Amino acid sequence: MILHVTSVAVTGPTHLTLTFNDGARKRVDLGPLLYGPVFEPLHDIAFFAKARLDPELGTVVWPNETDFAPEALHALADTREVA
């Protein structure tokens, strides 16, 4: 099965709640991954909030065409499980 994101919601300044086509649902923190020039705009809360699902790519994208591979997002820890 090729992994895809099927829904996305912005749930914090660097957090997304994601649903995947394998049934997994998790809240992830992208903050630690936002380094380097391509990710600089995502440090702006208003810009980060423009995250959307690209159904063709099956992942989350932003207006500057930044995205993350669905596999990388799936591998992130679910922050709902952190006490």
N, C-alpha and C. Protein backbone atom coordinates (compact mmCIF):
# COMPACT_ATOMS: atom_id res chain seq x y z
N MET A 1 0.84 -1.18 0.00
CA MET A 1 0.00 0.00 0.00
C MET A 1 0.89 1.25 0.00
N ILE A 2 0.55 2.16 -0.87
CA ILE A 2 1.24 3.46 -0.88
C ILE A 2 0.56 4.35 0.13
N LEU A 3 1.35 4.90 1.04
CA LEU A 3 0.82 5.70 2.14
C LEU A 3 0.42 7.10 1.66
N HIS A 4 -0.76 7.55 2.09
CA HIS A 4 -1.25 8.88 1.76
C HIS A 4 -1.90 9.51 2.99
N VAL A 5 -1.82 10.82 3.08
CA VAL A 5 -2.58 11.57 4.06
C VAL A 5 -3.96 11.79 3.44
N THR A 6 -5.02 11.52 4.23
CA THR A 6 -6.38 11.69 3.71
C THR A 6 -7.10 12.87 4.32
N SER A 7 -6.61 13.38 5.45
CA SER A 7 -7.17 14.62 6.01
C SER A 7 -6.11 15.28 6.88
N VAL A 8 -6.23 16.61 6.97
CA VAL A 8 -5.30 17.41 7.76
C VAL A 8 -6.05 18.53 8.44
N ALA A 9 -5.68 18.80 9.69
CA ALA A 9 -6.20 19.95 10.43
C ALA A 9 -5.04 20.57 11.18
N VAL A 10 -4.93 21.88 11.12
CA VAL A 10 -3.92 22.60 11.89
C VAL A 10 -4.44 22.69 13.32
N THR A 11 -3.65 22.19 14.28
CA THR A 11 -4.11 22.12 15.67
C THR A 11 -3.13 22.77 16.64
N GLY A 12 -2.26 23.61 16.14
CA GLY A 12 -1.30 24.32 16.97
C GLY A 12 -0.33 25.08 16.09
N PRO A 13 0.56 25.86 16.70
CA PRO A 13 1.48 26.68 15.90
C PRO A 13 2.39 25.86 14.99
N THR A 14 2.70 24.64 15.37
CA THR A 14 3.50 23.74 14.52
C THR A 14 2.91 22.34 14.54
N HIS A 15 1.66 22.21 14.92
CA HIS A 15 1.02 20.89 15.05
C HIS A 15 -0.05 20.68 13.98
N LEU A 16 -0.11 19.45 13.51
CA LEU A 16 -1.15 19.02 12.58
C LEU A 16 -1.79 17.75 13.13
N THR A 17 -3.08 17.60 12.92
CA THR A 17 -3.74 16.33 13.16
C THR A 17 -3.99 15.73 11.78
N LEU A 18 -3.48 14.53 11.60
CA LEU A 18 -3.47 13.87 10.30
C LEU A 18 -4.20 12.54 10.36
N THR A 19 -4.86 12.20 9.27
CA THR A 19 -5.42 10.88 9.08
C THR A 19 -4.78 10.31 7.82
N PHE A 20 -4.42 9.04 7.90
CA PHE A 20 -3.75 8.36 6.80
C PHE A 20 -4.65 7.27 6.22
N ASN A 21 -4.36 6.87 5.00
CA ASN A 21 -5.19 5.86 4.34
C ASN A 21 -5.03 4.47 4.93
N ASP A 22 -4.12 4.28 5.88
CA ASP A 22 -4.02 2.99 6.57
C ASP A 22 -4.85 3.00 7.86
N GLY A 23 -5.60 4.10 8.10
CA GLY A 23 -6.45 4.21 9.28
C GLY A 23 -5.80 4.92 10.46
N ALA A 24 -4.51 5.17 10.40
CA ALA A 24 -3.83 5.86 11.50
C ALA A 24 -4.30 7.31 11.57
N ARG A 25 -4.44 7.80 12.80
CA ARG A 25 -4.77 9.20 13.04
C ARG A 25 -3.87 9.66 14.17
N LYS A 26 -3.18 10.78 13.96
CA LYS A 26 -2.26 11.26 14.99
C LYS A 26 -2.11 12.77 14.91
N ARG A 27 -1.71 13.33 16.05
CA ARG A 27 -1.35 14.75 16.13
C ARG A 27 0.17 14.79 16.18
N VAL A 28 0.76 15.53 15.25
CA VAL A 28 2.22 15.58 15.16
C VAL A 28 2.72 17.00 15.30
N ASP A 29 3.94 17.13 15.81
CA ASP A 29 4.61 18.42 15.94
C ASP A 29 5.71 18.50 14.89
N LEU A 30 5.54 19.41 13.94
CA LEU A 30 6.54 19.57 12.89
C LEU A 30 7.66 20.54 13.29
N GLY A 31 7.53 21.19 14.43
CA GLY A 31 8.51 22.18 14.87
C GLY A 31 9.96 21.73 14.73
N PRO A 32 10.31 20.53 15.22
CA PRO A 32 11.71 20.09 15.11
C PRO A 32 12.19 19.88 13.68
N LEU A 33 11.28 19.78 12.73
CA LEU A 33 11.67 19.55 11.33
C LEU A 33 11.77 20.83 10.51
N LEU A 34 11.40 21.94 11.11
CA LEU A 34 11.32 23.20 10.35
C LEU A 34 12.64 23.97 10.36
N TYR A 35 13.64 23.37 9.78
CA TYR A 35 14.93 24.06 9.66
C TYR A 35 15.33 24.09 8.19
N GLY A 36 16.08 25.11 7.84
CA GLY A 36 16.50 25.31 6.46
C GLY A 36 15.61 26.33 5.76
N PRO A 37 16.10 26.91 4.68
CA PRO A 37 15.40 28.01 4.00
C PRO A 37 13.99 27.66 3.52
N VAL A 38 13.78 26.47 3.00
CA VAL A 38 12.47 26.13 2.46
C VAL A 38 11.39 26.11 3.55
N PHE A 39 11.79 25.82 4.78
CA PHE A 39 10.83 25.72 5.88
C PHE A 39 10.69 27.02 6.68
N GLU A 40 11.52 28.01 6.39
CA GLU A 40 11.50 29.27 7.14
C GLU A 40 10.10 29.91 7.18
N PRO A 41 9.36 29.97 6.07
CA PRO A 41 8.03 30.59 6.14
C PRO A 41 7.07 29.88 7.12
N LEU A 42 7.29 28.60 7.38
CA LEU A 42 6.40 27.85 8.26
C LEU A 42 6.58 28.22 9.72
N HIS A 43 7.59 29.02 10.04
CA HIS A 43 7.75 29.52 11.40
C HIS A 43 6.72 30.60 11.71
N ASP A 44 6.15 31.20 10.69
CA ASP A 44 5.09 32.19 10.86
C ASP A 44 3.78 31.43 11.09
N ILE A 45 3.16 31.66 12.23
CA ILE A 45 1.95 30.90 12.61
C ILE A 45 0.86 31.04 11.56
N ALA A 46 0.67 32.25 11.03
CA ALA A 46 -0.38 32.47 10.03
C ALA A 46 -0.08 31.69 8.75
N PHE A 47 1.19 31.63 8.37
CA PHE A 47 1.55 30.87 7.17
C PHE A 47 1.41 29.38 7.40
N PHE A 48 1.85 28.91 8.57
CA PHE A 48 1.73 27.48 8.90
C PHE A 48 0.27 27.06 8.82
N ALA A 49 -0.63 27.96 9.26
CA ALA A 49 -2.07 27.66 9.28
C ALA A 49 -2.66 27.49 7.89
N LYS A 50 -1.90 27.81 6.85
CA LYS A 50 -2.38 27.64 5.48
C LYS A 50 -2.14 26.24 4.94
N ALA A 51 -1.77 25.31 5.82
CA ALA A 51 -1.56 23.93 5.41
C ALA A 51 -2.85 23.38 4.81
N ARG A 52 -2.69 22.59 3.74
CA ARG A 52 -3.85 21.97 3.12
C ARG A 52 -3.47 20.60 2.58
N LEU A 53 -4.47 19.80 2.36
CA LEU A 53 -4.26 18.49 1.77
C LEU A 53 -4.16 18.61 0.26
N ASP A 54 -3.13 18.02 -0.32
CA ASP A 54 -3.04 17.91 -1.77
C ASP A 54 -3.45 16.48 -2.12
N PRO A 55 -4.65 16.29 -2.64
CA PRO A 55 -5.13 14.94 -2.91
C PRO A 55 -4.33 14.20 -3.99
N GLU A 56 -3.70 14.94 -4.89
CA GLU A 56 -2.88 14.29 -5.92
C GLU A 56 -1.59 13.73 -5.34
N LEU A 57 -0.96 14.51 -4.46
CA LEU A 57 0.29 14.06 -3.82
C LEU A 57 0.02 13.18 -2.61
N GLY A 58 -1.17 13.31 -2.02
CA GLY A 58 -1.50 12.52 -0.84
C GLY A 58 -0.74 12.98 0.38
N THR A 59 -0.46 14.28 0.45
CA THR A 59 0.26 14.80 1.60
C THR A 59 -0.17 16.24 1.88
N VAL A 60 0.46 16.84 2.87
CA VAL A 60 0.17 18.21 3.29
C VAL A 60 1.10 19.15 2.54
N VAL A 61 0.55 20.26 2.06
CA VAL A 61 1.35 21.25 1.34
C VAL A 61 1.01 22.66 1.84
N TRP A 62 1.92 23.59 1.59
CA TRP A 62 1.73 25.00 1.92
C TRP A 62 1.84 25.81 0.64
N PRO A 63 1.42 27.08 0.67
CA PRO A 63 1.43 27.91 -0.55
C PRO A 63 2.80 28.05 -1.22
N ASN A 64 3.88 27.90 -0.49
CA ASN A 64 5.22 28.00 -1.10
C ASN A 64 5.69 26.66 -1.66
N GLU A 65 4.77 25.69 -1.76
CA GLU A 65 5.01 24.35 -2.28
C GLU A 65 5.85 23.48 -1.36
N THR A 66 6.02 23.89 -0.13
CA THR A 66 6.68 23.04 0.86
C THR A 66 5.75 21.87 1.16
N ASP A 67 6.35 20.68 1.32
CA ASP A 67 5.56 19.52 1.72
C ASP A 67 6.46 18.54 2.45
N PHE A 68 5.84 17.53 3.01
CA PHE A 68 6.56 16.45 3.68
C PHE A 68 6.06 15.15 3.09
N ALA A 69 6.94 14.19 2.94
CA ALA A 69 6.53 12.87 2.47
C ALA A 69 5.55 12.27 3.47
N PRO A 70 4.49 11.62 3.01
CA PRO A 70 3.55 11.00 3.94
C PRO A 70 4.23 10.02 4.89
N GLU A 71 5.25 9.31 4.40
CA GLU A 71 5.96 8.35 5.25
C GLU A 71 6.67 9.05 6.41
N ALA A 72 7.23 10.23 6.14
CA ALA A 72 7.91 10.99 7.19
C ALA A 72 6.91 11.47 8.23
N LEU A 73 5.74 11.91 7.79
CA LEU A 73 4.71 12.36 8.73
C LEU A 73 4.19 11.18 9.55
N HIS A 74 4.01 10.05 8.92
CA HIS A 74 3.50 8.85 9.60
C HIS A 74 4.48 8.38 10.67
N ALA A 75 5.78 8.56 10.43
CA ALA A 75 6.81 8.11 11.38
C ALA A 75 6.92 8.98 12.62
N LEU A 76 6.35 10.19 12.58
CA LEU A 76 6.44 11.08 13.74
C LEU A 76 5.62 10.56 14.90
N ALA A 77 6.07 10.87 16.11
CA ALA A 77 5.34 10.47 17.31
C ALA A 77 4.01 11.19 17.40
N ASP A 78 3.02 10.50 17.93
CA ASP A 78 1.72 11.08 18.18
C ASP A 78 1.81 11.89 19.47
N THR A 79 1.70 13.20 19.38
CA THR A 79 1.86 14.04 20.57
C THR A 79 0.69 13.90 21.54
N ARG A 80 -0.41 13.27 21.12
CA ARG A 80 -1.51 13.02 22.05
C ARG A 80 -1.12 11.98 23.09
N GLU A 81 -0.08 11.19 22.80
CA GLU A 81 0.35 10.14 23.70
C GLU A 81 1.38 10.60 24.71
N VAL A 82 1.83 11.85 24.58
CA VAL A 82 2.83 12.39 25.50
C VAL A 82 2.11 12.91 26.75
N ALA A 83 2.58 12.45 27.90
CA ALA A 83 1.94 12.85 29.16
C ALA A 83 2.42 14.20 29.62
